[in-house]
Amino acid sequence: MQLGFVGLGKMGMNMVTRLNHGNHAVVAWDRSAEAVTRVRDVGATGVDSLAALVAQLRAPRAVWVMVPSGAPTESTVSALAELLSPGDTIIDGGNTNFHDDVRRATALAAKGLTYIDAGTSGGIWGLTEGYCLMVGGDEAACRRLEPIFLTLAPPDGYLRVGGPGAGHYVKMVHNGIEYGLMQAYAEGFELLEKSEYAIDLGKVSALWMQGSVVRSWLLELTARALAADPTLAQLEGYVEDSGEGRWTLQEALERSVPMPALTASIFTRFRSREHNPFAERLLAAMRQQFGGHAVKKATESGT
């Protein structure tokens, strides 16, 4: 099939490469001229503008948007909506909030355009392993574009999960679960690291991949990280969040669904970004006030 593709970052470039390996004809654009040059090396047609991209596609056109969520995606979808024609389709493969998907699908339908949201998981490994695709949108449009989805996904790795917004909703919950899994692994390995035994954490993580009930792709990646740096001495304990965990928690609050594991994992990430946080200083102050307990002055702790 022919497909327009916007966004040639780490995932986007790999996705275009995988599509080319599947004999799809990809016309690609990115704000980076260097990325456009590189995409030609993987067999795609690189162009210098969105208008040129649309002009190279045959109707009915389909354009996959793979740019950062929020304003970059919003502006790209809006620009494409002015260039495309009735019957064409825009696919958002980024991490968009499902509420925005529903709004966009309605607005684009008024122009005769179809909007598909494709929750995409696979990261930098998707080129070789494939991308798990959770797709939402019009059933007929999704069926027409299945050759694209089936090429990007591994066997049984693509599913249309519902109407507009459903794909990113499922991906949102997927990422919420991911937060909790990562936190559980992190806590368990910290306990192993602090135990009285000289445990080789890298070997344990590799061991657990062999038949253990806690084996997973995340654990395999943990084993790789520990093999490269057994003490993780090259890293700071600073962890960002990209938004999906917060959205999942907000949805849980709206629907009165208890999610303590996700809540704890998000708050732990917040705490990881603070140095000598106020709450802990206040705890020390209160203990000193009511019990005369010893405290460390800021200069004693090197702050």
C-alpha atoms as a PDB file:
ATOM      1  CA  MET A   1       0.000   0.000   0.000  1.00  0.00           C
ATOM      2  CA  GLN A   2       0.937   3.651  -0.313  1.00  0.00           C
ATOM      3  CA  LEU A   3       1.201   5.654   2.914  1.00  0.00           C
ATOM      4  CA  GLY A   4       2.228   9.144   3.888  1.00  0.00           C
ATOM      5  CA  PHE A   5       4.323   9.314   7.060  1.00  0.00           C
ATOM      6  CA  VAL A   6       5.036  12.403   9.179  1.00  0.00           C
ATOM      7  CA  GLY A   7       7.669  12.238  11.925  1.00  0.00           C
ATOM      8  CA  LEU A   8      11.019  10.502  11.529  1.00  0.00           C
ATOM      9  CA  GLY A   9      12.297  10.264  15.080  1.00  0.00           C
ATOM     10  CA  LYS A  10      13.604   7.056  16.647  1.00  0.00           C
ATOM     11  CA  MET A  11      10.310   5.201  16.304  1.00  0.00           C
ATOM     12  CA  GLY A  12       9.146   6.867  13.103  1.00  0.00           C
ATOM     13  CA  MET A  13      12.285   6.064  11.134  1.00  0.00           C
ATOM     14  CA  ASN A  14      12.171   2.427  12.266  1.00  0.00           C
ATOM     15  CA  MET A  15       8.490   2.160  11.377  1.00  0.00           C
ATOM     16  CA  VAL A  16       9.121   3.493   7.880  1.00  0.00           C
ATOM     17  CA  THR A  17      11.974   1.011   7.505  1.00  0.00           C
ATOM     18  CA  ARG A  18       9.726  -1.870   8.563  1.00  0.00           C
ATOM     19  CA  LEU A  19       7.014  -0.715   6.168  1.00  0.00           C
ATOM     20  CA  ASN A  20       9.548  -0.601   3.327  1.00  0.00           C
ATOM     21  CA  HIS A  21      10.626  -4.153   4.177  1.00  0.00           C
ATOM     22  CA  GLY A  22       6.947  -5.075   3.803  1.00  0.00           C
ATOM     23  CA  ASN A  23       6.912  -3.610   0.271  1.00  0.00           C
ATOM     24  CA  HIS A  24       4.744  -0.593   1.111  1.00  0.00           C
ATOM     25  CA  ALA A  25       5.384   2.674  -0.732  1.00  0.00           C
ATOM     26  CA  VAL A  26       6.035   5.343   1.917  1.00  0.00           C
ATOM     27  CA  VAL A  27       6.202   9.081   1.271  1.00  0.00           C
ATOM     28  CA  ALA A  28       7.756  10.717   4.333  1.00  0.00           C
ATOM     29  CA  TRP A  29       8.340  14.189   5.746  1.00  0.00           C
ATOM     30  CA  ASP A  30       9.988  15.556   8.874  1.00  0.00           C
ATOM     31  CA  ARG A  31      10.963  19.043   9.986  1.00  0.00           C
ATOM     32  CA  SER A  32      14.558  17.812   9.982  1.00  0.00           C
ATOM     33  CA  ALA A  33      16.047  17.890   6.483  1.00  0.00           C
ATOM     34  CA  GLU A  34      18.696  15.430   7.677  1.00  0.00           C
ATOM     35  CA  ALA A  35      15.974  12.932   8.671  1.00  0.00           C
ATOM     36  CA  VAL A  36      14.341  13.309   5.249  1.00  0.00           C
ATOM     37  CA  THR A  37      17.680  12.528   3.621  1.00  0.00           C
ATOM     38  CA  ARG A  38      18.160   9.447   5.818  1.00  0.00           C
ATOM     39  CA  VAL A  39      14.666   8.118   5.112  1.00  0.00           C
ATOM     40  CA  ARG A  40      15.510   7.959   1.428  1.00  0.00           C
ATOM     41  CA  ASP A  41      18.329   5.574   2.346  1.00  0.00           C
ATOM     42  CA  VAL A  42      15.797   3.097   3.758  1.00  0.00           C
ATOM     43  CA  GLY A  43      13.751   3.093   0.566  1.00  0.00           C
ATOM     44  CA  ALA A  44      11.085   5.727   1.231  1.00  0.00           C
ATOM     45  CA  THR A  45      10.361   8.847  -0.791  1.00  0.00           C
ATOM     46  CA  GLY A  46      11.431  11.879   1.221  1.00  0.00           C
ATOM     47  CA  VAL A  47       9.738  15.227   0.577  1.00  0.00           C
ATOM     48  CA  ASP A  48      10.310  18.752   1.861  1.00  0.00           C
ATOM     49  CA  SER A  49       6.808  19.724   3.010  1.00  0.00           C
ATOM     50  CA  LEU A  50       3.403  18.417   4.046  1.00  0.00           C
ATOM     51  CA  ALA A  51       1.954  19.801   0.829  1.00  0.00           C
ATOM     52  CA  ALA A  52       4.491  17.854  -1.217  1.00  0.00           C
ATOM     53  CA  LEU A  53       3.688  14.722   0.763  1.00  0.00           C
ATOM     54  CA  VAL A  54      -0.039  14.999   0.062  1.00  0.00           C
ATOM     55  CA  ALA A  55       0.620  15.765  -3.592  1.00  0.00           C
ATOM     56  CA  GLN A  56       2.573  12.509  -4.013  1.00  0.00           C
ATOM     57  CA  LEU A  57      -0.210  10.313  -2.615  1.00  0.00           C
ATOM     58  CA  ARG A  58      -3.040   8.760  -4.610  1.00  0.00           C
ATOM     59  CA  ALA A  59      -6.621   9.055  -3.386  1.00  0.00           C
ATOM     60  CA  PRO A  60      -7.924   7.812  -1.085  1.00  0.00           C
ATOM     61  CA  ARG A  61      -4.868   8.980   0.862  1.00  0.00           C
ATOM     62  CA  ALA A  62      -3.713   7.808   4.271  1.00  0.00           C
ATOM     63  CA  VAL A  63      -1.167   9.707   6.373  1.00  0.00           C
ATOM     64  CA  TRP A  64       0.395   8.360   9.577  1.00  0.00           C
ATOM     65  CA  VAL A  65       1.373  11.057  12.113  1.00  0.00           C
ATOM     66  CA  MET A  66       4.201  10.066  14.484  1.00  0.00           C
ATOM     67  CA  VAL A  67       5.220  13.269  16.257  1.00  0.00           C
ATOM     68  CA  PRO A  68       5.277  14.237  19.968  1.00  0.00           C
ATOM     69  CA  SER A  69       1.868  14.349  21.623  1.00  0.00           C
ATOM     70  CA  GLY A  70       0.152  17.619  22.431  1.00  0.00           C
ATOM     71  CA  ALA A  71       0.718  20.739  20.357  1.00  0.00           C
ATOM     72  CA  PRO A  72       2.977  19.111  17.702  1.00  0.00           C
ATOM     73  CA  THR A  73       0.368  16.453  16.918  1.00  0.00           C
ATOM     74  CA  GLU A  74      -2.495  18.945  17.071  1.00  0.00           C
ATOM     75  CA  SER A  75      -0.843  21.344  14.628  1.00  0.00           C
ATOM     76  CA  THR A  76       0.146  18.535  12.250  1.00  0.00           C
ATOM     77  CA  VAL A  77      -3.366  17.066  12.154  1.00  0.00           C
ATOM     78  CA  SER A  78      -4.836  20.535  11.603  1.00  0.00           C
ATOM     79  CA  ALA A  79      -2.426  21.256   8.753  1.00  0.00           C
ATOM     80  CA  LEU A  80      -3.159  17.914   7.078  1.00  0.00           C
ATOM     81  CA  ALA A  81      -6.895  18.526   7.399  1.00  0.00           C
ATOM     82  CA  GLU A  82      -6.493  21.596   5.186  1.00  0.00           C
ATOM     83  CA  LEU A  83      -4.512  19.673   2.559  1.00  0.00           C
ATOM     84  CA  LEU A  84      -6.382  16.374   2.324  1.00  0.00           C
ATOM     85  CA  SER A  85      -9.645  15.625   0.491  1.00  0.00           C
ATOM     86  CA  PRO A  86     -12.883  13.885   1.496  1.00  0.00           C
ATOM     87  CA  GLY A  87     -12.313  10.147   1.732  1.00  0.00           C
ATOM     88  CA  ASP A  88      -8.739  10.516   3.041  1.00  0.00           C
ATOM     89  CA  THR A  89      -7.560   9.237   6.430  1.00  0.00           C
ATOM     90  CA  ILE A  90      -5.276  10.572   9.165  1.00  0.00           C
ATOM     91  CA  ILE A  91      -3.727   8.037  11.565  1.00  0.00           C
ATOM     92  CA  ASP A  92      -2.298   9.298  14.859  1.00  0.00           C
ATOM     93  CA  GLY A  93       0.247   6.777  16.142  1.00  0.00           C
ATOM     94  CA  GLY A  94       1.536   8.892  19.038  1.00  0.00           C
ATOM     95  CA  ASN A  95       0.503   8.964  22.689  1.00  0.00           C
ATOM     96  CA  THR A  96      -2.540  11.201  22.397  1.00  0.00           C
ATOM     97  CA  ASN A  97      -5.185  11.629  25.097  1.00  0.00           C
ATOM     98  CA  PHE A  98      -8.270   9.715  23.964  1.00  0.00           C
ATOM     99  CA  HIS A  99     -10.503  12.747  24.639  1.00  0.00           C
ATOM    100  CA  ASP A 100      -8.579  14.585  21.912  1.00  0.00           C
ATOM    101  CA  ASP A 101      -9.118  11.643  19.551  1.00  0.00           C
ATOM    102  CA  VAL A 102     -12.889  11.840  19.969  1.00  0.00           C
ATOM    103  CA  ARG A 103     -12.848  15.592  19.350  1.00  0.00           C
ATOM    104  CA  ARG A 104     -10.632  15.287  16.268  1.00  0.00           C
ATOM    105  CA  ALA A 105     -12.629  12.416  14.786  1.00  0.00           C
ATOM    106  CA  THR A 106     -15.812  14.493  15.006  1.00  0.00           C
ATOM    107  CA  ALA A 107     -14.200  17.619  13.548  1.00  0.00           C
ATOM    108  CA  LEU A 108     -12.536  15.740  10.696  1.00  0.00           C
ATOM    109  CA  ALA A 109     -15.702  13.803   9.868  1.00  0.00           C
ATOM    110  CA  ALA A 110     -17.365  17.155   9.147  1.00  0.00           C
ATOM    111  CA  LYS A 111     -14.729  17.619   6.419  1.00  0.00           C
ATOM    112  CA  GLY A 112     -15.274  14.119   5.033  1.00  0.00           C
ATOM    113  CA  LEU A 113     -12.001  12.872   6.541  1.00  0.00           C
ATOM    114  CA  THR A 114     -11.520   9.736   8.627  1.00  0.00           C
ATOM    115  CA  TYR A 115      -9.438   9.750  11.806  1.00  0.00           C
ATOM    116  CA  ILE A 116      -7.819   6.620  13.272  1.00  0.00           C
ATOM    117  CA  ASP A 117      -5.974   6.477  16.580  1.00  0.00           C
ATOM    118  CA  ALA A 118      -3.288   3.807  16.752  1.00  0.00           C
ATOM    119  CA  GLY A 119      -1.830   3.113  20.168  1.00  0.00           C
ATOM    120  CA  THR A 120       1.701   1.927  19.376  1.00  0.00           C
ATOM    121  CA  SER A 121       3.969  -0.019  21.726  1.00  0.00           C
ATOM    122  CA  GLY A 122       7.388  -1.362  20.875  1.00  0.00           C
ATOM    123  CA  GLY A 123       9.812   1.497  21.328  1.00  0.00           C
ATOM    124  CA  ILE A 124      13.210   1.290  19.679  1.00  0.00           C
ATOM    125  CA  TRP A 125      12.893  -2.509  19.402  1.00  0.00           C
ATOM    126  CA  GLY A 126       9.879  -2.378  17.116  1.00  0.00           C
ATOM    127  CA  LEU A 127      11.919  -2.512  13.921  1.00  0.00           C
ATOM    128  CA  THR A 128      12.919  -6.122  14.591  1.00  0.00           C
ATOM    129  CA  GLU A 129      10.276  -7.266  17.104  1.00  0.00           C
ATOM    130  CA  GLY A 130       7.267  -5.501  15.604  1.00  0.00           C
ATOM    131  CA  TYR A 131       4.879  -2.974  17.140  1.00  0.00           C
ATOM    132  CA  CYS A 132       1.870  -3.929  19.226  1.00  0.00           C
ATOM    133  CA  LEU A 133      -0.955  -1.887  17.704  1.00  0.00           C
ATOM    134  CA  MET A 134      -4.172  -0.983  19.523  1.00  0.00           C
ATOM    135  CA  VAL A 135      -6.326   0.737  16.928  1.00  0.00           C
ATOM    136  CA  GLY A 136      -9.506   2.772  17.256  1.00  0.00           C
ATOM    137  CA  GLY A 137     -11.696   4.252  14.563  1.00  0.00           C
ATOM    138  CA  ASP A 138     -14.144   3.504  11.786  1.00  0.00           C
ATOM    139  CA  GLU A 139     -14.255  -0.245  11.156  1.00  0.00           C
ATOM    140  CA  ALA A 140     -14.273  -0.028   7.358  1.00  0.00           C
ATOM    141  CA  ALA A 141     -11.352   2.412   7.309  1.00  0.00           C
ATOM    142  CA  CYS A 142      -9.346   0.219   9.676  1.00  0.00           C
ATOM    143  CA  ARG A 143     -10.046  -2.841   7.553  1.00  0.00           C
ATOM    144  CA  ARG A 144      -8.885  -1.013   4.408  1.00  0.00           C
ATOM    145  CA  LEU A 145      -5.601  -0.090   6.109  1.00  0.00           C
ATOM    146  CA  GLU A 146      -4.986  -3.493   7.702  1.00  0.00           C
ATOM    147  CA  PRO A 147      -2.050  -4.289   5.376  1.00  0.00           C
ATOM    148  CA  ILE A 148      -0.191  -1.388   7.021  1.00  0.00           C
ATOM    149  CA  PHE A 149      -1.067  -2.496  10.553  1.00  0.00           C
ATOM    150  CA  LEU A 150      -0.235  -6.137   9.874  1.00  0.00           C
ATOM    151  CA  THR A 151       3.192  -5.219   8.494  1.00  0.00           C
ATOM    152  CA  LEU A 152       4.068  -3.062  11.494  1.00  0.00           C
ATOM    153  CA  ALA A 153       2.811  -5.588  14.045  1.00  0.00           C
ATOM    154  CA  PRO A 154       4.223  -9.012  14.927  1.00  0.00           C
ATOM    155  CA  PRO A 155       1.916 -12.018  14.439  1.00  0.00           C
ATOM    156  CA  ASP A 156      -1.318 -11.426  16.407  1.00  0.00           C
ATOM    157  CA  GLY A 157       0.019  -7.996  17.427  1.00  0.00           C
ATOM    158  CA  TYR A 158      -2.730  -5.869  15.867  1.00  0.00           C
ATOM    159  CA  LEU A 159      -6.310  -5.400  17.060  1.00  0.00           C
ATOM    160  CA  ARG A 160      -9.024  -2.875  16.316  1.00  0.00           C
ATOM    161  CA  VAL A 161     -10.334  -2.330  19.821  1.00  0.00           C
ATOM    162  CA  GLY A 162     -13.251   0.013  19.138  1.00  0.00           C
ATOM    163  CA  GLY A 163     -14.360   3.362  17.780  1.00  0.00           C
ATOM    164  CA  PRO A 164     -12.572   6.731  17.849  1.00  0.00           C
ATOM    165  CA  GLY A 165     -10.366   7.074  20.926  1.00  0.00           C
ATOM    166  CA  ALA A 166     -10.473   3.386  21.854  1.00  0.00           C
ATOM    167  CA  GLY A 167      -6.978   2.697  20.540  1.00  0.00           C
ATOM    168  CA  HIS A 168      -5.322   5.369  22.632  1.00  0.00           C
ATOM    169  CA  TYR A 169      -7.544   4.496  25.603  1.00  0.00           C
ATOM    170  CA  VAL A 170      -6.258   0.910  25.586  1.00  0.00           C
ATOM    171  CA  LYS A 171      -2.676   2.172  25.092  1.00  0.00           C
ATOM    172  CA  MET A 172      -3.146   4.564  28.024  1.00  0.00           C
ATOM    173  CA  VAL A 173      -4.157   1.734  30.343  1.00  0.00           C
ATOM    174  CA  HIS A 174      -1.331  -0.381  28.913  1.00  0.00           C
ATOM    175  CA  ASN A 175       1.134   2.317  29.973  1.00  0.00           C
ATOM    176  CA  GLY A 176      -0.479   2.601  33.393  1.00  0.00           C
ATOM    177  CA  ILE A 177       0.107  -1.120  33.904  1.00  0.00           C
ATOM    178  CA  GLU A 178       3.674  -0.653  32.662  1.00  0.00           C
ATOM    179  CA  TYR A 179       4.301   1.955  35.375  1.00  0.00           C
ATOM    180  CA  GLY A 180       3.235  -0.499  38.081  1.00  0.00           C
ATOM    181  CA  LEU A 181       5.301  -3.365  36.650  1.00  0.00           C
ATOM    182  CA  MET A 182       8.406  -1.211  36.443  1.00  0.00           C
ATOM    183  CA  GLN A 183       7.943  -0.019  40.019  1.00  0.00           C
ATOM    184  CA  ALA A 184       7.524  -3.577  41.310  1.00  0.00           C
ATOM    185  CA  TYR A 185      10.711  -4.701  39.566  1.00  0.00           C
ATOM    186  CA  ALA A 186      12.600  -1.644  40.842  1.00  0.00           C
ATOM    187  CA  GLU A 187      11.549  -2.238  44.451  1.00  0.00           C
ATOM    188  CA  GLY A 188      12.323  -5.948  44.347  1.00  0.00           C
ATOM    189  CA  PHE A 189      15.774  -5.480  42.856  1.00  0.00           C
ATOM    190  CA  GLU A 190      16.578  -2.750  45.372  1.00  0.00           C
ATOM    191  CA  LEU A 191      15.819  -5.189  48.193  1.00  0.00           C
ATOM    192  CA  LEU A 192      18.057  -7.786  46.562  1.00  0.00           C
ATOM    193  CA  GLU A 193      20.801  -5.189  46.177  1.00  0.00           C
ATOM    194  CA  LYS A 194      20.619  -4.234  49.874  1.00  0.00           C
ATOM    195  CA  SER A 195      20.458  -7.795  51.221  1.00  0.00           C
ATOM    196  CA  GLU A 196      23.233  -9.428  53.221  1.00  0.00           C
ATOM    197  CA  TYR A 197      24.001 -11.675  50.252  1.00  0.00           C
ATOM    198  CA  ALA A 198      26.301 -10.821  47.339  1.00  0.00           C
ATOM    199  CA  ILE A 199      23.612 -11.430  44.741  1.00  0.00           C
ATOM    200  CA  ASP A 200      24.411 -10.900  41.078  1.00  0.00           C
ATOM    201  CA  LEU A 201      21.349  -8.929  39.998  1.00  0.00           C
ATOM    202  CA  GLY A 202      22.061  -9.358  36.305  1.00  0.00           C
ATOM    203  CA  LYS A 203      22.176 -13.127  36.631  1.00  0.00           C
ATOM    204  CA  VAL A 204      18.991 -13.158  38.721  1.00  0.00           C
ATOM    205  CA  SER A 205      17.104 -11.094  36.140  1.00  0.00           C
ATOM    206  CA  ALA A 206      18.312 -13.470  33.403  1.00  0.00           C
ATOM    207  CA  LEU A 207      17.376 -16.462  35.583  1.00  0.00           C
ATOM    208  CA  TRP A 208      13.849 -15.184  36.099  1.00  0.00           C
ATOM    209  CA  MET A 209      13.371 -15.102  32.324  1.00  0.00           C
ATOM    210  CA  GLN A 210      13.558 -18.908  32.309  1.00  0.00           C
ATOM    211  CA  GLY A 211      10.107 -20.162  33.253  1.00  0.00           C
ATOM    212  CA  SER A 212       9.461 -17.772  36.149  1.00  0.00           C
ATOM    213  CA  VAL A 213       5.958 -16.353  36.597  1.00  0.00           C
ATOM    214  CA  VAL A 214       7.463 -12.825  36.663  1.00  0.00           C
ATOM    215  CA  ARG A 215       9.234 -13.140  33.306  1.00  0.00           C
ATOM    216  CA  SER A 216       8.455 -10.368  30.827  1.00  0.00           C
ATOM    217  CA  TRP A 217       9.921  -8.145  28.132  1.00  0.00           C
ATOM    218  CA  LEU A 218      10.558  -5.507  30.811  1.00  0.00           C
ATOM    219  CA  LEU A 219      12.533  -8.045  32.819  1.00  0.00           C
ATOM    220  CA  GLU A 220      14.557  -8.966  29.744  1.00  0.00           C
ATOM    221  CA  LEU A 221      15.388  -5.298  29.249  1.00  0.00           C
ATOM    222  CA  THR A 222      16.306  -5.107  32.946  1.00  0.00           C
ATOM    223  CA  ALA A 223      18.750  -7.967  32.427  1.00  0.00           C
ATOM    224  CA  ARG A 224      20.321  -6.112  29.497  1.00  0.00           C
ATOM    225  CA  ALA A 225      20.695  -2.918  31.526  1.00  0.00           C
ATOM    226  CA  LEU A 226      22.299  -4.742  34.467  1.00  0.00           C
ATOM    227  CA  ALA A 227      24.638  -6.644  32.168  1.00  0.00           C
ATOM    228  CA  ALA A 228      25.868  -3.340  30.733  1.00  0.00           C
ATOM    229  CA  ASP A 229      26.182  -1.573  34.107  1.00  0.00           C
ATOM    230  CA  PRO A 230      25.745  -3.949  37.098  1.00  0.00           C
ATOM    231  CA  THR A 231      25.572  -1.169  39.710  1.00  0.00           C
ATOM    232  CA  LEU A 232      23.845   1.381  37.436  1.00  0.00           C
ATOM    233  CA  ALA A 233      26.553   3.797  38.528  1.00  0.00           C
ATOM    234  CA  GLN A 234      26.213   5.821  35.336  1.00  0.00           C
ATOM    235  CA  LEU A 235      22.601   6.788  36.065  1.00  0.00           C
ATOM    236  CA  GLU A 236      20.871   9.277  38.347  1.00  0.00           C
ATOM    237  CA  GLY A 237      17.702   8.138  40.118  1.00  0.00           C
ATOM    238  CA  TYR A 238      15.590  10.678  38.207  1.00  0.00           C
ATOM    239  CA  VAL A 239      12.502   9.343  36.438  1.00  0.00           C
ATOM    240  CA  GLU A 240      10.214  11.327  34.151  1.00  0.00           C
ATOM    241  CA  ASP A 241       6.656  10.417  33.181  1.00  0.00           C
ATOM    242  CA  SER A 242       5.247  11.062  29.724  1.00  0.00           C
ATOM    243  CA  GLY A 243       1.621  11.617  30.698  1.00  0.00           C
ATOM    244  CA  GLU A 244      -0.219   8.353  30.091  1.00  0.00           C
ATOM    245  CA  GLY A 245       0.093   7.244  33.716  1.00  0.00           C
ATOM    246  CA  ARG A 246      -1.500  10.468  34.901  1.00  0.00           C
ATOM    247  CA  TRP A 247      -4.306  10.123  32.349  1.00  0.00           C
ATOM    248  CA  THR A 248      -4.935   6.553  33.487  1.00  0.00           C
ATOM    249  CA  LEU A 249      -5.123   7.658  37.106  1.00  0.00           C
ATOM    250  CA  GLN A 250      -7.489  10.514  36.216  1.00  0.00           C
ATOM    251  CA  GLU A 251      -9.750   8.067  34.391  1.00  0.00           C
ATOM    252  CA  ALA A 252      -9.634   5.734  37.393  1.00  0.00           C
ATOM    253  CA  LEU A 253     -10.727   8.585  39.659  1.00  0.00           C
ATOM    254  CA  GLU A 254     -13.574   9.442  37.272  1.00  0.00           C
ATOM    255  CA  ARG A 255     -14.775   5.825  37.355  1.00  0.00           C
ATOM    256  CA  SER A 256     -13.986   5.102  41.020  1.00  0.00           C
ATOM    257  CA  VAL A 257     -11.555   2.314  40.129  1.00  0.00           C
ATOM    258  CA  PRO A 258      -8.879   1.815  42.828  1.00  0.00           C
ATOM    259  CA  MET A 259      -5.380   1.749  41.335  1.00  0.00           C
ATOM    260  CA  PRO A 260      -2.957   1.859  44.291  1.00  0.00           C
ATOM    261  CA  ALA A 261      -0.009   0.352  42.387  1.00  0.00           C
ATOM    262  CA  LEU A 262      -0.215   2.977  39.650  1.00  0.00           C
ATOM    263  CA  THR A 263      -0.695   5.766  42.205  1.00  0.00           C
ATOM    264  CA  ALA A 264       2.393   4.714  44.150  1.00  0.00           C
ATOM    265  CA  SER A 265       4.492   4.374  40.998  1.00  0.00           C
ATOM    266  CA  ILE A 266       3.582   7.849  39.738  1.00  0.00           C
ATOM    267  CA  PHE A 267       4.236   9.474  43.109  1.00  0.00           C
ATOM    268  CA  THR A 268       7.581   7.665  43.346  1.00  0.00           C
ATOM    269  CA  ARG A 269       8.560   9.187  40.007  1.00  0.00           C
ATOM    270  CA  PHE A 270       7.616  12.619  41.281  1.00  0.00           C
ATOM    271  CA  ARG A 271       9.775  12.100  44.372  1.00  0.00           C
ATOM    272  CA  SER A 272      12.732  10.921  42.267  1.00  0.00           C
ATOM    273  CA  ARG A 273      13.014  14.402  40.771  1.00  0.00           C
ATOM    274  CA  GLU A 274      13.364  16.178  44.115  1.00  0.00           C
ATOM    275  CA  HIS A 275      16.552  16.767  46.081  1.00  0.00           C
ATOM    276  CA  ASN A 276      16.144  17.003  49.853  1.00  0.00           C
ATOM    277  CA  PRO A 277      12.357  17.495  49.496  1.00  0.00           C
ATOM    278  CA  PHE A 278      10.388  19.765  51.800  1.00  0.00           C
ATOM    279  CA  ALA A 279       8.068  16.990  53.048  1.00  0.00           C
ATOM    280  CA  GLU A 280      10.974  14.945  54.415  1.00  0.00           C
ATOM    281  CA  ARG A 281      12.519  18.036  56.015  1.00  0.00           C
ATOM    282  CA  LEU A 282       9.189  18.762  57.686  1.00  0.00           C
ATOM    283  CA  LEU A 283       8.972  15.166  58.960  1.00  0.00           C
ATOM    284  CA  ALA A 284      12.390  15.594  60.562  1.00  0.00           C
ATOM    285  CA  ALA A 285      11.307  18.920  62.080  1.00  0.00           C
ATOM    286  CA  MET A 286       8.129  17.441  63.592  1.00  0.00           C
ATOM    287  CA  ARG A 287       9.995  14.499  65.143  1.00  0.00           C
ATOM    288  CA  GLN A 288      12.465  16.929  66.683  1.00  0.00           C
ATOM    289  CA  GLN A 289       9.656  19.090  68.042  1.00  0.00           C
ATOM    290  CA  PHE A 290       7.600  16.375  69.731  1.00  0.00           C
ATOM    291  CA  GLY A 291      10.346  13.964  70.725  1.00  0.00           C
ATOM    292  CA  GLY A 292      13.592  15.824  70.696  1.00  0.00           C
ATOM    293  CA  HIS A 293      14.874  13.426  68.073  1.00  0.00           C
ATOM    294  CA  ALA A 294      18.209  14.179  66.451  1.00  0.00           C
ATOM    295  CA  VAL A 295      18.186  15.833  63.033  1.00  0.00           C
ATOM    296  CA  LYS A 296      20.814  16.403  60.371  1.00  0.00           C
ATOM    297  CA  LYS A 297      21.517  19.959  59.391  1.00  0.00           C
ATOM    298  CA  ALA A 298      21.617  20.720  55.685  1.00  0.00           C
ATOM    299  CA  THR A 299      25.368  21.266  55.794  1.00  0.00           C
ATOM    300  CA  GLU A 300      25.851  17.769  57.317  1.00  0.00           C
ATOM    301  CA  SER A 301      24.191  16.113  54.335  1.00  0.00           C
ATOM    302  CA  GLY A 302      26.148  18.100  51.807  1.00  0.00           C
ATOM    303  CA  THR A 303      23.294  20.385  50.690  1.00  0.00           C
END
